Amino acid sequence: GQGAAGAGGVPVPMGMHGAVPIPMGAGMPMEGEPLNPTRLADATPEMRKQMLGDHLFPLIQAKEMTQAAKITGMILESTEDSGELLHLIEDASALTEKVAEAVAILKEHQESTGGDAEGAEATPAQ
Protein backbone atom coordinates (compact mmCIF):
# COMPACT_ATOMS: atom_id res chain seq x y z
CA GLY A 1 0.00 0.00 0.00
CA GLN A 2 0.97 3.61 -0.52
CA GLY A 3 1.98 5.54 2.63
CA ALA A 4 0.33 8.94 2.98
CA ALA A 5 2.72 11.85 2.39
CA GLY A 6 3.57 13.72 5.59
CA ALA A 7 1.56 16.92 5.79
CA GLY A 8 4.18 18.62 7.98
CA GLY A 9 6.23 21.59 6.91
CA VAL A 10 3.34 23.61 5.46
CA PRO A 11 3.83 27.21 6.62
CA VAL A 12 0.75 28.65 8.27
CA PRO A 13 0.44 32.41 7.69
CA MET A 14 0.81 34.14 11.04
CA GLY A 15 -1.65 36.81 12.10
CA MET A 16 -0.58 40.43 12.45
CA HIS A 17 1.48 40.67 15.61
CA GLY A 18 1.02 43.73 17.77
CA ALA A 19 -2.00 44.88 15.78
CA VAL A 20 -4.40 47.16 17.61
CA PRO A 21 -7.33 45.04 18.84
CA ILE A 22 -10.53 46.07 17.07
CA PRO A 23 -13.74 46.70 19.00
CA MET A 24 -16.45 44.36 17.69
CA GLY A 25 -18.10 45.54 14.49
CA ALA A 26 -15.71 48.45 14.04
CA GLY A 27 -13.26 48.46 11.15
CA MET A 28 -13.36 44.92 9.79
CA PRO A 29 -13.82 45.05 6.02
CA MET A 30 -16.25 42.59 4.53
CA GLU A 31 -14.61 40.29 2.01
CA GLY A 32 -13.72 42.46 -0.97
CA GLU A 33 -15.44 45.53 0.43
CA PRO A 34 -13.76 48.71 -0.85
CA LEU A 35 -12.41 51.15 1.71
CA ASN A 36 -15.15 53.53 2.78
CA PRO A 37 -13.74 57.10 2.78
CA THR A 38 -16.43 58.28 5.22
CA ARG A 39 -15.62 55.52 7.70
CA LEU A 40 -11.93 56.24 7.26
CA ALA A 41 -12.47 59.94 7.91
CA ASP A 42 -14.50 59.20 11.05
CA ALA A 43 -12.00 56.68 12.41
CA THR A 44 -9.33 57.46 14.98
CA PRO A 45 -5.76 57.38 13.60
CA GLU A 46 -5.26 53.92 15.17
CA MET A 47 -8.48 52.60 13.65
CA ARG A 48 -7.62 54.14 10.31
CA LYS A 49 -4.26 52.40 10.31
CA GLN A 50 -5.93 49.12 11.26
CA MET A 51 -8.47 49.45 8.43
CA LEU A 52 -5.77 50.30 5.90
CA GLY A 53 -3.61 47.47 7.23
CA ASP A 54 -6.49 45.02 6.78
CA HIS A 55 -6.65 46.00 3.11
CA LEU A 56 -2.88 46.08 2.58
CA PHE A 57 -2.19 42.69 4.15
CA PRO A 58 -3.79 40.48 1.45
CA LEU A 59 -2.19 42.61 -1.29
CA ILE A 60 1.23 42.24 0.31
CA GLN A 61 0.64 38.55 1.00
CA ALA A 62 0.10 38.01 -2.72
CA LYS A 63 3.58 39.42 -3.39
CA GLU A 64 5.56 38.23 -0.38
CA MET A 65 3.92 35.18 1.18
CA THR A 66 6.43 34.39 3.93
CA GLN A 67 6.84 37.80 5.56
CA ALA A 68 3.57 39.50 4.69
CA ALA A 69 2.64 40.26 8.32
CA LYS A 70 6.06 41.71 9.10
CA ILE A 71 6.15 43.79 5.90
CA THR A 72 2.61 45.10 6.44
CA GLY A 73 3.64 46.14 9.95
CA MET A 74 6.77 47.85 8.66
CA ILE A 75 4.86 49.80 6.02
CA LEU A 76 2.21 50.86 8.54
CA GLU A 77 4.88 51.95 11.01
CA SER A 78 6.97 53.87 8.50
CA THR A 79 4.03 55.61 6.79
CA GLU A 80 2.48 58.29 8.97
CA ASP A 81 0.17 59.61 6.26
CA SER A 82 -2.97 57.54 5.68
CA GLY A 83 -3.29 59.18 2.26
CA GLU A 84 -0.02 57.51 1.28
CA LEU A 85 -1.31 54.16 2.56
CA LEU A 86 -4.47 54.62 0.48
CA HIS A 87 -2.26 55.32 -2.52
CA LEU A 88 -0.43 52.02 -1.94
CA ILE A 89 -3.74 50.14 -1.79
CA GLU A 90 -4.91 51.69 -5.05
CA ASP A 91 -1.60 51.71 -6.95
CA ALA A 92 -0.15 48.22 -7.36
CA SER A 93 3.20 49.42 -8.72
CA ALA A 94 3.73 51.80 -5.80
CA LEU A 95 2.95 48.94 -3.41
CA THR A 96 5.33 46.60 -5.23
CA GLU A 97 8.07 49.21 -4.83
CA LYS A 98 7.31 49.65 -1.12
CA VAL A 99 7.26 45.89 -0.54
CA ALA A 100 10.60 45.50 -2.36
CA GLU A 101 12.02 48.24 -0.11
CA ALA A 102 10.79 46.45 3.02
CA VAL A 103 12.16 43.10 1.82
CA ALA A 104 15.56 44.71 1.19
CA ILE A 105 15.56 46.20 4.71
CA LEU A 106 14.63 42.83 6.21
CA LYS A 107 17.40 41.07 4.26
CA GLU A 108 19.91 43.69 5.38
CA HIS A 109 18.79 43.28 8.98
CA GLN A 110 19.10 39.50 8.83
CA GLU A 111 22.59 39.72 7.38
CA SER A 112 23.86 42.35 9.82
CA THR A 113 22.29 40.81 12.92
CA GLY A 114 22.51 37.11 12.11
CA GLY A 115 18.78 36.73 11.61
CA ASP A 116 17.72 38.58 14.77
CA ALA A 117 16.38 42.00 13.81
CA GLU A 118 16.35 44.59 16.55
CA GLY A 119 13.31 46.82 16.92
CA ALA A 120 13.58 49.90 14.76
CA GLU A 121 13.95 53.16 16.64
CA ALA A 122 10.49 54.61 17.17
CA THR A 123 10.31 58.04 15.58
CA PRO A 124 7.89 60.38 17.38
CA ALA A 125 4.97 61.41 15.21
CA GLN A 126 5.02 65.04 14.08
C-alpha atoms as a PDB file:
ATOM      1  CA  GLY A   1       0.000   0.000   0.000  1.00  0.00           C
ATOM      2  CA  GLN A   2       0.969   3.614  -0.520  1.00  0.00           C
ATOM      3  CA  GLY A   3       1.981   5.541   2.626  1.00  0.00           C
ATOM      4  CA  ALA A   4       0.334   8.936   2.980  1.00  0.00           C
ATOM      5  CA  ALA A   5       2.715  11.848   2.392  1.00  0.00           C
ATOM      6  CA  GLY A   6       3.565  13.718   5.586  1.00  0.00           C
ATOM      7  CA  ALA A   7       1.559  16.924   5.788  1.00  0.00           C
ATOM      8  CA  GLY A   8       4.177  18.618   7.977  1.00  0.00           C
ATOM      9  CA  GLY A   9       6.233  21.589   6.912  1.00  0.00           C
ATOM     10  CA  VAL A  10       3.343  23.609   5.461  1.00  0.00           C
ATOM     11  CA  PRO A  11       3.829  27.211   6.617  1.00  0.00           C
ATOM     12  CA  VAL A  12       0.751  28.652   8.268  1.00  0.00           C
ATOM     13  CA  PRO A  13       0.445  32.410   7.693  1.00  0.00           C
ATOM     14  CA  MET A  14       0.806  34.142  11.039  1.00  0.00           C
ATOM     15  CA  GLY A  15      -1.654  36.807  12.104  1.00  0.00           C
ATOM     16  CA  MET A  16      -0.583  40.425  12.449  1.00  0.00           C
ATOM     17  CA  HIS A  17       1.485  40.674  15.606  1.00  0.00           C
ATOM     18  CA  GLY A  18       1.017  43.733  17.774  1.00  0.00           C
ATOM     19  CA  ALA A  19      -1.997  44.877  15.784  1.00  0.00           C
ATOM     20  CA  VAL A  20      -4.402  47.156  17.611  1.00  0.00           C
ATOM     21  CA  PRO A  21      -7.334  45.041  18.837  1.00  0.00           C
ATOM     22  CA  ILE A  22     -10.531  46.074  17.071  1.00  0.00           C
ATOM     23  CA  PRO A  23     -13.742  46.695  19.000  1.00  0.00           C
ATOM     24  CA  MET A  24     -16.449  44.364  17.690  1.00  0.00           C
ATOM     25  CA  GLY A  25     -18.102  45.540  14.488  1.00  0.00           C
ATOM     26  CA  ALA A  26     -15.710  48.453  14.042  1.00  0.00           C
ATOM     27  CA  GLY A  27     -13.258  48.460  11.148  1.00  0.00           C
ATOM     28  CA  MET A  28     -13.358  44.920   9.786  1.00  0.00           C
ATOM     29  CA  PRO A  29     -13.818  45.051   6.021  1.00  0.00           C
ATOM     30  CA  MET A  30     -16.246  42.587   4.528  1.00  0.00           C
ATOM     31  CA  GLU A  31     -14.608  40.288   2.012  1.00  0.00           C
ATOM     32  CA  GLY A  32     -13.721  42.456  -0.975  1.00  0.00           C
ATOM     33  CA  GLU A  33     -15.442  45.533   0.432  1.00  0.00           C
ATOM     34  CA  PRO A  34     -13.761  48.709  -0.846  1.00  0.00           C
ATOM     35  CA  LEU A  35     -12.414  51.155   1.706  1.00  0.00           C
ATOM     36  CA  ASN A  36     -15.148  53.528   2.779  1.00  0.00           C
ATOM     37  CA  PRO A  37     -13.742  57.103   2.781  1.00  0.00           C
ATOM     38  CA  THR A  38     -16.425  58.278   5.218  1.00  0.00           C
ATOM     39  CA  ARG A  39     -15.621  55.517   7.704  1.00  0.00           C
ATOM     40  CA  LEU A  40     -11.927  56.239   7.259  1.00  0.00           C
ATOM     41  CA  ALA A  41     -12.465  59.942   7.912  1.00  0.00           C
ATOM     42  CA  ASP A  42     -14.495  59.199  11.053  1.00  0.00           C
ATOM     43  CA  ALA A  43     -12.003  56.676  12.415  1.00  0.00           C
ATOM     44  CA  THR A  44      -9.331  57.462  14.981  1.00  0.00           C
ATOM     45  CA  PRO A  45      -5.765  57.381  13.602  1.00  0.00           C
ATOM     46  CA  GLU A  46      -5.256  53.922  15.168  1.00  0.00           C
ATOM     47  CA  MET A  47      -8.483  52.600  13.653  1.00  0.00           C
ATOM     48  CA  ARG A  48      -7.623  54.144  10.307  1.00  0.00           C
ATOM     49  CA  LYS A  49      -4.257  52.400  10.311  1.00  0.00           C
ATOM     50  CA  GLN A  50      -5.932  49.123  11.258  1.00  0.00           C
ATOM     51  CA  MET A  51      -8.472  49.453   8.430  1.00  0.00           C
ATOM     52  CA  LEU A  52      -5.770  50.299   5.900  1.00  0.00           C
ATOM     53  CA  GLY A  53      -3.614  47.473   7.227  1.00  0.00           C
ATOM     54  CA  ASP A  54      -6.488  45.025   6.778  1.00  0.00           C
ATOM     55  CA  HIS A  55      -6.647  46.003   3.108  1.00  0.00           C
ATOM     56  CA  LEU A  56      -2.884  46.082   2.584  1.00  0.00           C
ATOM     57  CA  PHE A  57      -2.189  42.694   4.150  1.00  0.00           C
ATOM     58  CA  PRO A  58      -3.787  40.477   1.449  1.00  0.00           C
ATOM     59  CA  LEU A  59      -2.187  42.606  -1.291  1.00  0.00           C
ATOM     60  CA  ILE A  60       1.233  42.237   0.313  1.00  0.00           C
ATOM     61  CA  GLN A  61       0.636  38.550   1.000  1.00  0.00           C
ATOM     62  CA  ALA A  62       0.095  38.006  -2.723  1.00  0.00           C
ATOM     63  CA  LYS A  63       3.580  39.421  -3.390  1.00  0.00           C
ATOM     64  CA  GLU A  64       5.563  38.228  -0.384  1.00  0.00           C
ATOM     65  CA  MET A  65       3.925  35.180   1.182  1.00  0.00           C
ATOM     66  CA  THR A  66       6.426  34.387   3.928  1.00  0.00           C
ATOM     67  CA  GLN A  67       6.845  37.796   5.557  1.00  0.00           C
ATOM     68  CA  ALA A  68       3.567  39.503   4.690  1.00  0.00           C
ATOM     69  CA  ALA A  69       2.644  40.258   8.317  1.00  0.00           C
ATOM     70  CA  LYS A  70       6.061  41.712   9.098  1.00  0.00           C
ATOM     71  CA  ILE A  71       6.148  43.793   5.897  1.00  0.00           C
ATOM     72  CA  THR A  72       2.606  45.101   6.445  1.00  0.00           C
ATOM     73  CA  GLY A  73       3.636  46.139   9.951  1.00  0.00           C
ATOM     74  CA  MET A  74       6.773  47.846   8.663  1.00  0.00           C
ATOM     75  CA  ILE A  75       4.859  49.804   6.023  1.00  0.00           C
ATOM     76  CA  LEU A  76       2.206  50.857   8.538  1.00  0.00           C
ATOM     77  CA  GLU A  77       4.884  51.950  11.015  1.00  0.00           C
ATOM     78  CA  SER A  78       6.970  53.870   8.497  1.00  0.00           C
ATOM     79  CA  THR A  79       4.034  55.607   6.786  1.00  0.00           C
ATOM     80  CA  GLU A  80       2.482  58.293   8.974  1.00  0.00           C
ATOM     81  CA  ASP A  81       0.168  59.613   6.256  1.00  0.00           C
ATOM     82  CA  SER A  82      -2.972  57.543   5.682  1.00  0.00           C
ATOM     83  CA  GLY A  83      -3.287  59.180   2.258  1.00  0.00           C
ATOM     84  CA  GLU A  84      -0.021  57.514   1.284  1.00  0.00           C
ATOM     85  CA  LEU A  85      -1.309  54.161   2.557  1.00  0.00           C
ATOM     86  CA  LEU A  86      -4.467  54.621   0.481  1.00  0.00           C
ATOM     87  CA  HIS A  87      -2.263  55.323  -2.520  1.00  0.00           C
ATOM     88  CA  LEU A  88      -0.431  52.018  -1.940  1.00  0.00           C
ATOM     89  CA  ILE A  89      -3.739  50.139  -1.785  1.00  0.00           C
ATOM     90  CA  GLU A  90      -4.909  51.691  -5.055  1.00  0.00           C
ATOM     91  CA  ASP A  91      -1.599  51.710  -6.946  1.00  0.00           C
ATOM     92  CA  ALA A  92      -0.151  48.220  -7.360  1.00  0.00           C
ATOM     93  CA  SER A  93       3.201  49.421  -8.722  1.00  0.00           C
ATOM     94  CA  ALA A  94       3.735  51.802  -5.796  1.00  0.00           C
ATOM     95  CA  LEU A  95       2.955  48.945  -3.408  1.00  0.00           C
ATOM     96  CA  THR A  96       5.335  46.599  -5.232  1.00  0.00           C
ATOM     97  CA  GLU A  97       8.072  49.207  -4.832  1.00  0.00           C
ATOM     98  CA  LYS A  98       7.311  49.655  -1.123  1.00  0.00           C
ATOM     99  CA  VAL A  99       7.264  45.887  -0.539  1.00  0.00           C
ATOM    100  CA  ALA A 100      10.601  45.497  -2.355  1.00  0.00           C
ATOM    101  CA  GLU A 101      12.017  48.237  -0.114  1.00  0.00           C
ATOM    102  CA  ALA A 102      10.786  46.454   3.019  1.00  0.00           C
ATOM    103  CA  VAL A 103      12.163  43.096   1.816  1.00  0.00           C
ATOM    104  CA  ALA A 104      15.559  44.714   1.192  1.00  0.00           C
ATOM    105  CA  ILE A 105      15.559  46.200   4.713  1.00  0.00           C
ATOM    106  CA  LEU A 106      14.633  42.830   6.214  1.00  0.00           C
ATOM    107  CA  LYS A 107      17.397  41.071   4.261  1.00  0.00           C
ATOM    108  CA  GLU A 108      19.914  43.689   5.380  1.00  0.00           C
ATOM    109  CA  HIS A 109      18.792  43.282   8.980  1.00  0.00           C
ATOM    110  CA  GLN A 110      19.096  39.504   8.833  1.00  0.00           C
ATOM    111  CA  GLU A 111      22.590  39.723   7.379  1.00  0.00           C
ATOM    112  CA  SER A 112      23.861  42.350   9.818  1.00  0.00           C
ATOM    113  CA  THR A 113      22.287  40.809  12.920  1.00  0.00           C
ATOM    114  CA  GLY A 114      22.510  37.111  12.105  1.00  0.00           C
ATOM    115  CA  GLY A 115      18.782  36.732  11.613  1.00  0.00           C
ATOM    116  CA  ASP A 116      17.722  38.582  14.773  1.00  0.00           C
ATOM    117  CA  ALA A 117      16.377  41.999  13.807  1.00  0.00           C
ATOM    118  CA  GLU A 118      16.345  44.593  16.550  1.00  0.00           C
ATOM    119  CA  GLY A 119      13.312  46.823  16.924  1.00  0.00           C
ATOM    120  CA  ALA A 120      13.579  49.899  14.756  1.00  0.00           C
ATOM    121  CA  GLU A 121      13.947  53.161  16.641  1.00  0.00           C
ATOM    122  CA  ALA A 122      10.493  54.605  17.165  1.00  0.00           C
ATOM    123  CA  THR A 123      10.308  58.045  15.579  1.00  0.00           C
ATOM    124  CA  PRO A 124       7.892  60.382  17.382  1.00  0.00           C
ATOM    125  CA  ALA A 125       4.968  61.412  15.209  1.00  0.00           C
ATOM    126  CA  GLN A 126       5.024  65.044  14.080  1.00  0.00           C
END
